PDB file of all heavy atoms in Angstrom:
ATOM      1  N   SER A   1      -6.299   9.372   1.190  1.00  0.00           N
ATOM      2  CA  SER A   1      -6.545  10.761   0.813  1.00  0.00           C
ATOM      3  C   SER A   1      -6.190  10.931  -0.652  1.00  0.00           C
ATOM      4  O   SER A   1      -5.536  10.075  -1.240  1.00  0.00           O
ATOM      5  CB  SER A   1      -5.736  11.726   1.687  1.00  0.00           C
ATOM      6  OG  SER A   1      -4.347  11.497   1.521  1.00  0.00           O
ATOM      7  N   ARG A   2      -6.602  12.046  -1.217  1.00  0.00           N
ATOM      8  CA  ARG A   2      -6.310  12.292  -2.627  1.00  0.00           C
ATOM      9  C   ARG A   2      -5.993  13.765  -2.819  1.00  0.00           C
ATOM     10  O   ARG A   2      -6.499  14.631  -2.086  1.00  0.00           O
ATOM     11  CB  ARG A   2      -7.489  11.868  -3.513  1.00  0.00           C
ATOM     12  CG  ARG A   2      -8.760  12.664  -3.333  1.00  0.00           C
ATOM     13  CD  ARG A   2      -9.916  11.999  -4.082  1.00  0.00           C
ATOM     14  NE  ARG A   2      -9.672  11.960  -5.513  1.00  0.00           N
ATOM     15  CZ  ARG A   2     -10.278  11.114  -6.346  1.00  0.00           C
ATOM     16  NH1 ARG A   2     -11.169  10.231  -5.877  1.00  0.00           N
ATOM     17  NH2 ARG A   2      -9.999  11.134  -7.639  1.00  0.00           N
ATOM     18  N   ASP A   3      -5.165  14.008  -3.808  1.00  0.00           N
ATOM     19  CA  ASP A   3      -4.836  15.369  -4.220  1.00  0.00           C
ATOM     20  C   ASP A   3      -5.154  15.451  -5.703  1.00  0.00           C
ATOM     21  O   ASP A   3      -4.371  14.988  -6.537  1.00  0.00           O
ATOM     22  CB  ASP A   3      -3.357  15.666  -3.943  1.00  0.00           C
ATOM     23  CG  ASP A   3      -2.988  17.101  -4.245  1.00  0.00           C
ATOM     24  OD1 ASP A   3      -3.702  17.760  -5.021  1.00  0.00           O
ATOM     25  OD2 ASP A   3      -1.963  17.546  -3.705  1.00  0.00           O
ATOM     26  N   ASN A   4      -6.292  16.018  -6.015  1.00  0.00           N
ATOM     27  CA  ASN A   4      -6.718  16.046  -7.413  1.00  0.00           C
ATOM     28  C   ASN A   4      -5.825  16.939  -8.267  1.00  0.00           C
ATOM     29  O   ASN A   4      -5.701  16.733  -9.471  1.00  0.00           O
ATOM     30  CB  ASN A   4      -8.175  16.506  -7.509  1.00  0.00           C
ATOM     31  CG  ASN A   4      -9.141  15.443  -7.005  1.00  0.00           C
ATOM     32  OD1 ASN A   4      -8.801  14.244  -6.954  1.00  0.00           O
ATOM     33  ND2 ASN A   4     -10.330  15.857  -6.625  1.00  0.00           N
ATOM     34  N   ALA A   5      -5.191  17.902  -7.658  1.00  0.00           N
ATOM     35  CA  ALA A   5      -4.281  18.769  -8.410  1.00  0.00           C
ATOM     36  C   ALA A   5      -3.031  18.006  -8.845  1.00  0.00           C
ATOM     37  O   ALA A   5      -2.410  18.344  -9.859  1.00  0.00           O
ATOM     38  CB  ALA A   5      -3.887  19.973  -7.568  1.00  0.00           C
ATOM     39  N   LYS A   6      -2.672  16.971  -8.097  1.00  0.00           N
ATOM     40  CA  LYS A   6      -1.493  16.171  -8.420  1.00  0.00           C
ATOM     41  C   LYS A   6      -1.855  14.812  -9.016  1.00  0.00           C
ATOM     42  O   LYS A   6      -0.969  13.991  -9.253  1.00  0.00           O
ATOM     43  CB  LYS A   6      -0.643  15.970  -7.164  1.00  0.00           C
ATOM     44  CG  LYS A   6      -0.055  17.256  -6.608  1.00  0.00           C
ATOM     45  CD  LYS A   6       0.821  16.975  -5.397  1.00  0.00           C
ATOM     46  CE  LYS A   6       1.462  18.253  -4.873  1.00  0.00           C
ATOM     47  NZ  LYS A   6       2.326  18.006  -3.694  1.00  0.00           N
ATOM     48  N   ASN A   7      -3.148  14.564  -9.185  1.00  0.00           N
ATOM     49  CA  ASN A   7      -3.610  13.280  -9.729  1.00  0.00           C
ATOM     50  C   ASN A   7      -3.059  12.109  -8.929  1.00  0.00           C
ATOM     51  O   ASN A   7      -2.640  11.086  -9.487  1.00  0.00           O
ATOM     52  CB  ASN A   7      -3.213  13.127 -11.196  1.00  0.00           C
ATOM     53  CG  ASN A   7      -3.962  14.065 -12.113  1.00  0.00           C
ATOM     54  OD1 ASN A   7      -4.913  14.733 -11.687  1.00  0.00           O
ATOM     55  ND2 ASN A   7      -3.538  14.141 -13.354  1.00  0.00           N
ATOM     56  N   THR A   8      -3.069  12.258  -7.631  1.00  0.00           N
ATOM     57  CA  THR A   8      -2.425  11.268  -6.772  1.00  0.00           C
ATOM     58  C   THR A   8      -3.328  10.902  -5.603  1.00  0.00           C
ATOM     59  O   THR A   8      -3.984  11.769  -5.015  1.00  0.00           O
ATOM     60  CB  THR A   8      -1.076  11.794  -6.258  1.00  0.00           C
ATOM     61  OG1 THR A   8      -0.233  12.082  -7.377  1.00  0.00           O
ATOM     62  CG2 THR A   8      -0.388  10.771  -5.377  1.00  0.00           C
ATOM     63  N   VAL A   9      -3.315   9.623  -5.269  1.00  0.00           N
ATOM     64  CA  VAL A   9      -3.993   9.130  -4.083  1.00  0.00           C
ATOM     65  C   VAL A   9      -2.935   8.562  -3.147  1.00  0.00           C
ATOM     66  O   VAL A   9      -1.904   8.046  -3.586  1.00  0.00           O
ATOM     67  CB  VAL A   9      -5.062   8.080  -4.443  1.00  0.00           C
ATOM     68  CG1 VAL A   9      -4.431   6.840  -5.052  1.00  0.00           C
ATOM     69  CG2 VAL A   9      -5.901   7.717  -3.230  1.00  0.00           C
ATOM     70  N   TYR A  10      -3.191   8.711  -1.844  1.00  0.00           N
ATOM     71  CA  TYR A  10      -2.228   8.294  -0.837  1.00  0.00           C
ATOM     72  C   TYR A  10      -2.870   7.303   0.137  1.00  0.00           C
ATOM     73  O   TYR A  10      -4.086   7.317   0.353  1.00  0.00           O
ATOM     74  CB  TYR A  10      -1.730   9.492  -0.034  1.00  0.00           C
ATOM     75  CG  TYR A  10      -1.145  10.598  -0.873  1.00  0.00           C
ATOM     76  CD1 TYR A  10      -1.920  11.700  -1.242  1.00  0.00           C
ATOM     77  CD2 TYR A  10       0.174  10.539  -1.304  1.00  0.00           C
ATOM     78  CE1 TYR A  10      -1.387  12.723  -2.015  1.00  0.00           C
ATOM     79  CE2 TYR A  10       0.714  11.562  -2.075  1.00  0.00           C
ATOM     80  CZ  TYR A  10      -0.067  12.650  -2.430  1.00  0.00           C
ATOM     81  OH  TYR A  10       0.463  13.643  -3.198  1.00  0.00           O
ATOM     82  N   LEU A  11      -2.029   6.477   0.726  1.00  0.00           N
ATOM     83  CA  LEU A  11      -2.460   5.617   1.820  1.00  0.00           C
ATOM     84  C   LEU A  11      -1.469   5.815   2.958  1.00  0.00           C
ATOM     85  O   LEU A  11      -0.302   5.461   2.836  1.00  0.00           O
ATOM     86  CB  LEU A  11      -2.504   4.150   1.412  1.00  0.00           C
ATOM     87  CG  LEU A  11      -3.037   3.208   2.486  1.00  0.00           C
ATOM     88  CD1 LEU A  11      -4.535   3.443   2.714  1.00  0.00           C
ATOM     89  CD2 LEU A  11      -2.785   1.747   2.108  1.00  0.00           C
ATOM     90  N   GLN A  12      -1.936   6.415   4.019  1.00  0.00           N
ATOM     91  CA  GLN A  12      -1.102   6.636   5.194  1.00  0.00           C
ATOM     92  C   GLN A  12      -1.345   5.498   6.176  1.00  0.00           C
ATOM     93  O   GLN A  12      -2.481   5.292   6.621  1.00  0.00           O
ATOM     94  CB  GLN A  12      -1.449   7.980   5.851  1.00  0.00           C
ATOM     95  CG  GLN A  12      -0.664   8.278   7.115  1.00  0.00           C
ATOM     96  CD  GLN A  12       0.812   8.505   6.849  1.00  0.00           C
ATOM     97  OE1 GLN A  12       1.191   9.197   5.909  1.00  0.00           O
ATOM     98  NE2 GLN A  12       1.663   7.919   7.693  1.00  0.00           N
ATOM     99  N   MET A  13      -0.297   4.807   6.502  1.00  0.00           N
ATOM    100  CA  MET A  13      -0.396   3.658   7.414  1.00  0.00           C
ATOM    101  C   MET A  13       0.450   3.931   8.650  1.00  0.00           C
ATOM    102  O   MET A  13       1.659   4.159   8.536  1.00  0.00           O
ATOM    103  CB  MET A  13       0.074   2.386   6.715  1.00  0.00           C
ATOM    104  CG  MET A  13      -0.724   2.069   5.455  1.00  0.00           C
ATOM    105  SD  MET A  13      -0.234   0.515   4.688  1.00  0.00           S
ATOM    106  CE  MET A  13       1.384   0.970   4.039  1.00  0.00           C
ATOM    107  N   ASN A  14      -0.186   3.940   9.784  1.00  0.00           N
ATOM    108  CA  ASN A  14       0.483   4.188  11.053  1.00  0.00           C
ATOM    109  C   ASN A  14       0.441   2.937  11.924  1.00  0.00           C
ATOM    110  O   ASN A  14      -0.394   2.063  11.720  1.00  0.00           O
ATOM    111  CB  ASN A  14      -0.185   5.354  11.782  1.00  0.00           C
ATOM    112  CG  ASN A  14      -0.141   6.638  10.993  1.00  0.00           C
ATOM    113  OD1 ASN A  14       0.831   6.920  10.290  1.00  0.00           O
ATOM    114  ND2 ASN A  14      -1.181   7.437  11.100  1.00  0.00           N
ATOM    115  N   SER A  15       1.343   2.888  12.871  1.00  0.00           N
ATOM    116  CA  SER A  15       1.393   1.773  13.826  1.00  0.00           C
ATOM    117  C   SER A  15       1.365   0.429  13.099  1.00  0.00           C
ATOM    118  O   SER A  15       0.578  -0.456  13.415  1.00  0.00           O
ATOM    119  CB  SER A  15       0.224   1.860  14.818  1.00  0.00           C
ATOM    120  OG  SER A  15       0.263   3.093  15.523  1.00  0.00           O
ATOM    121  N   LEU A  16       2.231   0.306  12.130  1.00  0.00           N
ATOM    122  CA  LEU A  16       2.237  -0.907  11.308  1.00  0.00           C
ATOM    123  C   LEU A  16       2.610  -2.136  12.123  1.00  0.00           C
ATOM    124  O   LEU A  16       3.406  -2.063  13.073  1.00  0.00           O
ATOM    125  CB  LEU A  16       3.187  -0.733  10.134  1.00  0.00           C
ATOM    126  CG  LEU A  16       2.651   0.152   9.006  1.00  0.00           C
ATOM    127  CD1 LEU A  16       3.784   0.635   8.117  1.00  0.00           C
ATOM    128  CD2 LEU A  16       1.609  -0.608   8.212  1.00  0.00           C
ATOM    129  N   LYS A  17       2.028  -3.246  11.725  1.00  0.00           N
ATOM    130  CA  LYS A  17       2.263  -4.530  12.379  1.00  0.00           C
ATOM    131  C   LYS A  17       2.809  -5.518  11.351  1.00  0.00           C
ATOM    132  O   LYS A  17       2.581  -5.354  10.150  1.00  0.00           O
ATOM    133  CB  LYS A  17       0.953  -5.058  12.955  1.00  0.00           C
ATOM    134  CG  LYS A  17       0.271  -4.113  13.916  1.00  0.00           C
ATOM    135  CD  LYS A  17      -1.094  -4.647  14.331  1.00  0.00           C
ATOM    136  CE  LYS A  17      -1.804  -3.685  15.260  1.00  0.00           C
ATOM    137  NZ  LYS A  17      -3.147  -4.181  15.652  1.00  0.00           N
ATOM    138  N   PRO A  18       3.491  -6.560  11.805  1.00  0.00           N
ATOM    139  CA  PRO A  18       3.987  -7.560  10.849  1.00  0.00           C
ATOM    140  C   PRO A  18       2.884  -8.136   9.964  1.00  0.00           C
ATOM    141  O   PRO A  18       3.136  -8.459   8.796  1.00  0.00           O
ATOM    142  CB  PRO A  18       4.590  -8.624  11.765  1.00  0.00           C
ATOM    143  CG  PRO A  18       5.055  -7.853  12.964  1.00  0.00           C
ATOM    144  CD  PRO A  18       4.003  -6.805  13.169  1.00  0.00           C
ATOM    145  N   GLU A  19       1.679  -8.232  10.491  1.00  0.00           N
ATOM    146  CA  GLU A  19       0.580  -8.779   9.681  1.00  0.00           C
ATOM    147  C   GLU A  19       0.104  -7.825   8.591  1.00  0.00           C
ATOM    148  O   GLU A  19      -0.734  -8.189   7.772  1.00  0.00           O
ATOM    149  CB  GLU A  19      -0.604  -9.177  10.572  1.00  0.00           C
ATOM    150  CG  GLU A  19      -1.056  -8.111  11.551  1.00  0.00           C
ATOM    151  CD  GLU A  19      -0.435  -8.308  12.933  1.00  0.00           C
ATOM    152  OE1 GLU A  19       0.770  -8.628  13.024  1.00  0.00           O
ATOM    153  OE2 GLU A  19      -1.168  -8.107  13.930  1.00  0.00           O
ATOM    154  N   ASP A  20       0.638  -6.615   8.581  1.00  0.00           N
ATOM    155  CA  ASP A  20       0.362  -5.684   7.488  1.00  0.00           C
ATOM    156  C   ASP A  20       1.277  -5.920   6.290  1.00  0.00           C
ATOM    157  O   ASP A  20       1.139  -5.258   5.258  1.00  0.00           O
ATOM    158  CB  ASP A  20       0.498  -4.239   7.959  1.00  0.00           C
ATOM    159  CG  ASP A  20      -0.548  -3.861   8.994  1.00  0.00           C
ATOM    160  OD1 ASP A  20      -1.724  -4.218   8.806  1.00  0.00           O
ATOM    161  OD2 ASP A  20      -0.186  -3.199   9.990  1.00  0.00           O
ATOM    162  N   THR A  21       2.210  -6.840   6.441  1.00  0.00           N
ATOM    163  CA  THR A  21       3.105  -7.180   5.340  1.00  0.00           C
ATOM    164  C   THR A  21       2.304  -7.739   4.170  1.00  0.00           C
ATOM    165  O   THR A  21       1.527  -8.682   4.320  1.00  0.00           O
ATOM    166  CB  THR A  21       4.146  -8.208   5.796  1.00  0.00           C
ATOM    167  OG1 THR A  21       4.987  -7.608   6.781  1.00  0.00           O
ATOM    168  CG2 THR A  21       4.988  -8.683   4.622  1.00  0.00           C
ATOM    169  N   ALA A  22       2.486  -7.122   2.997  1.00  0.00           N
ATOM    170  CA  ALA A  22       1.723  -7.512   1.818  1.00  0.00           C
ATOM    171  C   ALA A  22       2.208  -6.708   0.627  1.00  0.00           C
ATOM    172  O   ALA A  22       2.963  -5.744   0.776  1.00  0.00           O
ATOM    173  CB  ALA A  22       0.231  -7.267   2.030  1.00  0.00           C
ATOM    174  N   VAL A  23       1.732  -7.111  -0.527  1.00  0.00           N
ATOM    175  CA  VAL A  23       1.850  -6.261  -1.706  1.00  0.00           C
ATOM    176  C   VAL A  23       0.599  -5.397  -1.748  1.00  0.00           C
ATOM    177  O   VAL A  23      -0.515  -5.907  -1.680  1.00  0.00           O
ATOM    178  CB  VAL A  23       1.981  -7.081  -2.998  1.00  0.00           C
ATOM    179  CG1 VAL A  23       2.028  -6.147  -4.207  1.00  0.00           C
ATOM    180  CG2 VAL A  23       3.228  -7.958  -2.943  1.00  0.00           C
ATOM    181  N   TYR A  24       0.809  -4.104  -1.840  1.00  0.00           N
ATOM    182  CA  TYR A  24      -0.290  -3.156  -1.844  1.00  0.00           C
ATOM    183  C   TYR A  24      -0.534  -2.658  -3.265  1.00  0.00           C
ATOM    184  O   TYR A  24       0.417  -2.331  -3.983  1.00  0.00           O
ATOM    185  CB  TYR A  24       0.007  -1.990  -0.914  1.00  0.00           C
ATOM    186  CG  TYR A  24      -0.154  -2.354   0.546  1.00  0.00           C
ATOM    187  CD1 TYR A  24       0.768  -3.172   1.189  1.00  0.00           C
ATOM    188  CD2 TYR A  24      -1.247  -1.905   1.279  1.00  0.00           C
ATOM    189  CE1 TYR A  24       0.612  -3.533   2.520  1.00  0.00           C
ATOM    190  CE2 TYR A  24      -1.410  -2.249   2.618  1.00  0.00           C
ATOM    191  CZ  TYR A  24      -0.478  -3.068   3.227  1.00  0.00           C
ATOM    192  OH  TYR A  24      -0.639  -3.414   4.551  1.00  0.00           O
ATOM    193  N   TYR A  25      -1.804  -2.603  -3.631  1.00  0.00           N
ATOM    194  CA  TYR A  25      -2.200  -2.180  -4.968  1.00  0.00           C
ATOM    195  C   TYR A  25      -3.155  -0.999  -4.882  1.00  0.00           C
ATOM    196  O   TYR A  25      -4.081  -1.016  -4.065  1.00  0.00           O
ATOM    197  CB  TYR A  25      -2.919  -3.306  -5.705  1.00  0.00           C
ATOM    198  CG  TYR A  25      -2.108  -4.548  -5.935  1.00  0.00           C
ATOM    199  CD1 TYR A  25      -2.060  -5.565  -4.990  1.00  0.00           C
ATOM    200  CD2 TYR A  25      -1.378  -4.718  -7.109  1.00  0.00           C
ATOM    201  CE1 TYR A  25      -1.318  -6.712  -5.193  1.00  0.00           C
ATOM    202  CE2 TYR A  25      -0.636  -5.862  -7.337  1.00  0.00           C
ATOM    203  CZ  TYR A  25      -0.610  -6.853  -6.378  1.00  0.00           C
ATOM    204  OH  TYR A  25       0.128  -7.989  -6.590  1.00  0.00           O
ATOM    205  N   CYS A  26      -2.957  -0.019  -5.715  1.00  0.00           N
ATOM    206  CA  CYS A  26      -3.983   0.998  -5.849  1.00  0.00           C
ATOM    207  C   CYS A  26      -4.874   0.630  -7.026  1.00  0.00           C
ATOM    208  O   CYS A  26      -4.489  -0.160  -7.898  1.00  0.00           O
ATOM    209  CB  CYS A  26      -3.392   2.400  -6.013  1.00  0.00           C
ATOM    210  SG  CYS A  26      -2.571   2.706  -7.574  1.00  0.00           S
ATOM    211  N   ALA A  27      -6.055   1.198  -7.032  1.00  0.00           N
ATOM    212  CA  ALA A  27      -7.047   0.863  -8.052  1.00  0.00           C
ATOM    213  C   ALA A  27      -7.939   2.057  -8.305  1.00  0.00           C
ATOM    214  O   ALA A  27      -8.069   2.945  -7.455  1.00  0.00           O
ATOM    215  CB  ALA A  27      -7.874  -0.333  -7.599  1.00  0.00           C
ATOM    216  N   ALA A  28      -8.584   2.045  -9.474  1.00  0.00           N
ATOM    217  CA  ALA A  28      -9.460   3.147  -9.860  1.00  0.00           C
ATOM    218  C   ALA A  28     -10.689   2.624 -10.566  1.00  0.00           C
ATOM    219  O   ALA A  28     -10.626   1.621 -11.293  1.00  0.00           O
ATOM    220  CB  ALA A  28      -8.713   4.129 -10.759  1.00  0.00           C
ATOM    221  N   ASP A  29     -11.778   3.326 -10.360  1.00  0.00           N
ATOM    222  CA  ASP A  29     -13.015   3.017 -11.057  1.00  0.00           C
ATOM    223  C   ASP A  29     -13.915   4.243 -11.012  1.00  0.00           C
ATOM    224  O   ASP A  29     -13.833   5.043 -10.067  1.00  0.00           O
ATOM    225  CB  ASP A  29     -13.724   1.827 -10.398  1.00  0.00           C
ATOM    226  CG  ASP A  29     -14.754   1.199 -11.314  1.00  0.00           C
ATOM    227  OD1 ASP A  29     -15.872   1.713 -11.367  1.00  0.00           O
ATOM    228  OD2 ASP A  29     -14.410   0.205 -11.981  1.00  0.00           O
ATOM    229  N   LEU A  30     -14.760   4.383 -11.986  1.00  0.00           N
ATOM    230  CA  LEU A  30     -15.691   5.508 -11.995  1.00  0.00           C
ATOM    231  C   LEU A  30     -16.733   5.396 -10.875  1.00  0.00           C
ATOM    232  O   LEU A  30     -17.302   6.402 -10.457  1.00  0.00           O
ATOM    233  CB  LEU A  30     -16.379   5.614 -13.349  1.00  0.00           C
ATOM    234  CG  LEU A  30     -15.518   6.144 -14.488  1.00  0.00           C
ATOM    235  CD1 LEU A  30     -16.231   5.975 -15.816  1.00  0.00           C
ATOM    236  CD2 LEU A  30     -15.168   7.613 -14.260  1.00  0.00           C
ATOM    237  N   SER A  31     -16.980   4.189 -10.398  1.00  0.00           N
ATOM    238  CA  SER A  31     -18.004   3.965  -9.379  1.00  0.00           C
ATOM    239  C   SER A  31     -17.374   3.767  -7.998  1.00  0.00           C
ATOM    240  O   SER A  31     -16.487   2.927  -7.822  1.00  0.00           O
ATOM    241  CB  SER A  31     -18.830   2.735  -9.732  1.00  0.00           C
ATOM    242  OG  SER A  31     -19.611   2.301  -8.628  1.00  0.00           O
TER     243      SER A  31
END
């Protein structure tokens, strides 16, 4: 999700599993 008023994007992760272990990166592009 994103909140353009706060210039912020979110990633909500539920029911996490051990295989979700990772380094998470956000990214941006005009396209």
